[in-house]
Amino acid sequence: MYGYNFFSITITDTTPPQLTLTGLPIIEIDVDTIPYEEAGATAYDIVAGDLSSKIQITGTVDTSTPGSYTIVYSVTDDYANTSQVIRTVNVVTDLDITPPVITTPGDIVEEATGILTAVNLGGASANDDFDGELVAIPDSIGPFPIGQSSIVWSAVDAAVNVFVATQTTSIVAITT
C-alpha cells in the first residue's frame, strides 16, 4: 500500500537588505553658502530585489546654523529585516576664507649710488588667523633706478587666500 506524506518547508529570510549611501557619509558645508541637497541611497534585498523606493529618510539640515546634523536612512524588507545607514552633515564656520595680513617694513629713501642702487628692504611679516606666521615674499629685491619703485609683498595661506601689501623705495639723485 502506498501512502502520501505531506510536509511543508518554510523558508525564512533573515538577511537584511544592503543599504548604500549615494555620495559621502560625512559632508561639510560652510554656513550660509549652499543649501543641503539630499544625495539619497540605494537598497537591494536578496529576495525582493531593488528596495530603493522603500527607503525612509529622516533628519533635516539647517545650513544657516552651524552644527552637526544626522540624516538616517532605513529600509525594511518583507520579512521585517531592517538596515540603516547614517550620513553626517557638518555645517561649519571655520573654513578659512580670510587672507593673511602683511606688515611691510617702512618706505625707503636712499641716495643713488649709480644708475641702479641696491637697498636693504628689511623684512615683511605675515600672519594668518588659521596658519599662524607665514613668509611674505617681495616681487623685487632691487637694485632700483633713480625715482620711485613699488615693492609688492605677497603671502599665501594653506587655503590659498592671497594678500599683498606695498612698500615704496625712492632713489634720489645726488645733488652737489
Protein backbone atom coordinates (compact mmCIF):
# COMPACT_ATOMS: atom_id res chain seq x y z
CA MET A 1 0.00 0.00 0.00
CA TYR A 2 1.14 3.34 -0.87
CA GLY A 3 0.60 6.44 1.21
CA TYR A 4 1.19 10.07 0.79
CA ASN A 5 3.22 12.01 3.26
CA PHE A 6 2.81 15.72 3.13
CA PHE A 7 5.16 18.14 4.74
CA SER A 8 5.78 21.80 4.35
CA ILE A 9 9.01 23.70 4.11
CA THR A 10 9.15 27.22 5.38
CA ILE A 11 11.90 29.44 4.10
CA THR A 12 12.60 32.45 6.22
CA ASP A 13 14.64 35.39 5.01
CA THR A 14 16.86 36.62 7.86
CA THR A 15 19.24 38.69 5.74
CA PRO A 16 18.68 42.46 5.93
CA PRO A 17 18.75 44.48 2.71
CA GLN A 18 22.01 46.06 1.60
CA LEU A 19 21.68 49.82 2.07
CA THR A 20 24.31 52.03 0.42
CA LEU A 21 24.68 55.80 0.60
CA THR A 22 24.98 57.73 -2.64
CA GLY A 23 27.86 60.13 -2.08
CA LEU A 24 29.96 60.64 1.00
CA PRO A 25 28.95 59.60 4.53
CA ILE A 26 30.32 62.86 6.00
CA ILE A 27 29.73 66.21 4.30
CA GLU A 28 30.96 69.67 5.28
CA ILE A 29 29.05 72.76 4.23
CA ASP A 30 30.12 76.28 5.09
CA VAL A 31 27.34 78.11 6.93
CA ASP A 32 25.06 80.27 4.72
CA THR A 33 26.72 79.26 1.44
CA ILE A 34 24.80 76.47 -0.29
CA PRO A 35 21.66 74.53 0.62
CA TYR A 36 22.00 70.88 1.57
CA GLU A 37 20.97 68.68 -1.33
CA GLU A 38 19.94 65.14 -0.43
CA ALA A 39 22.12 62.64 -2.33
CA GLY A 40 19.99 59.65 -1.32
CA ALA A 41 20.81 55.97 -1.06
CA THR A 42 20.11 52.66 -2.77
CA ALA A 43 18.79 49.42 -1.29
CA TYR A 44 18.92 45.86 -2.56
CA ASP A 45 17.46 42.73 -0.99
CA ILE A 46 18.48 39.16 -1.95
CA VAL A 47 14.80 38.09 -2.03
CA ALA A 48 12.86 41.20 -3.03
CA GLY A 49 15.47 42.86 -5.27
CA ASP A 50 15.59 46.65 -5.54
CA LEU A 51 14.09 48.31 -2.45
CA SER A 52 15.38 51.84 -3.15
CA SER A 53 11.83 53.20 -3.39
CA LYS A 54 11.10 51.95 0.15
CA ILE A 55 13.97 53.84 1.82
CA GLN A 56 12.79 56.13 4.62
CA ILE A 57 14.91 59.26 5.22
CA THR A 58 14.70 61.18 8.49
CA GLY A 59 16.54 64.26 9.67
CA THR A 60 17.00 67.83 8.46
CA VAL A 61 19.90 70.18 7.86
CA ASP A 62 19.77 73.89 8.66
CA THR A 63 22.61 75.46 6.65
CA SER A 64 22.09 78.79 8.41
CA THR A 65 23.01 77.31 11.80
CA PRO A 66 26.44 75.76 12.49
CA GLY A 67 26.32 72.25 13.90
CA SER A 68 26.38 68.55 13.13
CA TYR A 69 23.22 67.10 11.57
CA THR A 70 22.35 63.42 11.19
CA ILE A 71 20.39 62.05 8.26
CA VAL A 72 19.18 58.49 8.87
CA TYR A 73 18.30 56.13 6.00
CA SER A 74 16.41 52.93 6.77
CA VAL A 75 14.74 50.22 4.74
CA THR A 76 12.82 47.11 5.76
CA ASP A 77 12.17 44.06 3.57
CA ASP A 78 9.01 41.92 3.53
CA TYR A 79 10.42 39.70 6.30
CA ALA A 80 10.96 42.64 8.69
CA ASN A 81 14.73 42.70 8.21
CA THR A 82 15.90 46.28 8.59
CA SER A 83 19.06 48.07 7.53
CA GLN A 84 20.12 51.55 8.50
CA VAL A 85 22.92 53.92 7.44
CA ILE A 86 23.75 57.43 8.60
CA ARG A 87 25.08 60.48 6.83
CA THR A 88 26.55 63.30 8.92
CA VAL A 89 26.32 66.84 7.59
CA ASN A 90 28.55 69.34 9.37
CA VAL A 91 27.60 72.97 8.88
CA VAL A 92 30.80 74.81 9.74
CA THR A 93 32.01 78.35 10.14
CA ASP A 94 35.70 77.53 10.37
CA LEU A 95 36.52 77.30 6.70
CA ASP A 96 39.43 79.64 6.10
CA ILE A 97 38.23 82.43 3.83
CA THR A 98 40.30 85.22 5.37
CA PRO A 99 43.63 86.13 3.74
CA PRO A 100 46.76 86.63 5.81
CA VAL A 101 47.82 90.08 6.98
CA ILE A 102 51.18 91.51 5.91
CA THR A 103 53.12 94.18 7.74
CA THR A 104 55.71 95.70 5.43
CA PRO A 105 58.88 97.45 6.52
CA GLY A 106 58.77 101.24 6.24
CA ASP A 107 59.19 103.05 2.95
CA ILE A 108 62.81 103.67 1.98
CA VAL A 109 64.53 106.83 0.73
CA GLU A 110 68.15 106.38 -0.41
CA GLU A 111 70.65 108.42 -2.36
CA ALA A 112 71.65 106.93 -5.68
CA THR A 113 75.00 105.19 -5.83
CA GLY A 114 74.91 104.72 -9.59
CA ILE A 115 72.39 104.00 -12.35
CA LEU A 116 70.97 101.30 -10.11
CA THR A 117 71.11 101.38 -6.33
CA ALA A 118 70.96 98.38 -4.01
CA VAL A 119 68.91 98.90 -0.84
CA ASN A 120 68.12 96.82 2.19
CA LEU A 121 64.34 96.32 2.03
CA GLY A 122 64.09 94.86 5.50
CA GLY A 123 61.66 92.02 6.11
CA ALA A 124 57.89 91.97 5.98
CA SER A 125 55.93 89.80 8.38
CA ALA A 126 52.79 87.84 7.52
CA ASN A 127 50.29 86.32 9.89
CA ASP A 128 47.17 84.23 9.26
CA ASP A 129 44.31 83.52 11.64
CA PHE A 130 44.45 79.79 10.81
CA ASP A 131 48.02 79.11 9.75
CA GLY A 132 49.87 81.47 12.08
CA GLU A 133 53.14 83.01 10.93
CA LEU A 134 53.75 82.88 7.17
CA VAL A 135 56.53 84.03 4.85
CA ALA A 136 56.00 87.29 2.95
CA ILE A 137 57.86 87.43 -0.35
CA PRO A 138 58.75 90.63 -2.26
CA ASP A 139 58.27 90.76 -6.04
CA SER A 140 61.62 92.57 -6.40
CA ILE A 141 64.72 92.96 -4.27
CA GLY A 142 66.46 95.54 -6.47
CA PRO A 143 68.72 97.15 -7.32
CA PHE A 144 66.45 100.10 -8.13
CA PRO A 145 66.75 103.00 -10.61
CA ILE A 146 66.50 106.67 -9.68
CA GLY A 147 62.90 107.51 -8.91
CA GLN A 148 60.14 105.75 -7.04
CA SER A 149 59.61 101.97 -7.17
CA SER A 150 56.93 99.84 -5.55
CA ILE A 151 57.77 96.51 -3.99
CA VAL A 152 54.75 94.22 -3.69
CA TRP A 153 54.96 91.75 -0.83
CA SER A 154 52.68 88.71 -1.00
CA ALA A 155 51.71 85.88 1.32
CA VAL A 156 49.52 82.84 0.70
CA ASP A 157 47.90 80.67 3.38
CA ALA A 158 47.12 76.94 3.20
CA ALA A 159 43.59 77.68 1.91
CA VAL A 160 45.19 79.66 -0.97
CA ASN A 161 43.97 83.02 0.33
CA VAL A 162 46.40 85.64 -1.02
CA PHE A 163 47.20 89.04 0.41
CA VAL A 164 49.54 91.71 -0.93
CA ALA A 165 50.98 94.86 0.60
CA THR A 166 53.17 97.54 -0.93
CA GLN A 167 56.41 99.14 0.19
CA THR A 168 57.90 102.11 -1.67
CA THR A 169 61.56 102.85 -2.37
CA SER A 170 62.61 106.26 -3.52
CA ILE A 171 66.07 106.56 -5.00
CA VAL A 172 67.09 110.19 -5.23
CA ALA A 173 69.85 111.63 -7.36
CA ILE A 174 72.82 113.04 -5.53
CA THR A 175 72.91 116.81 -5.73
CA THR A 176 76.20 118.63 -5.44
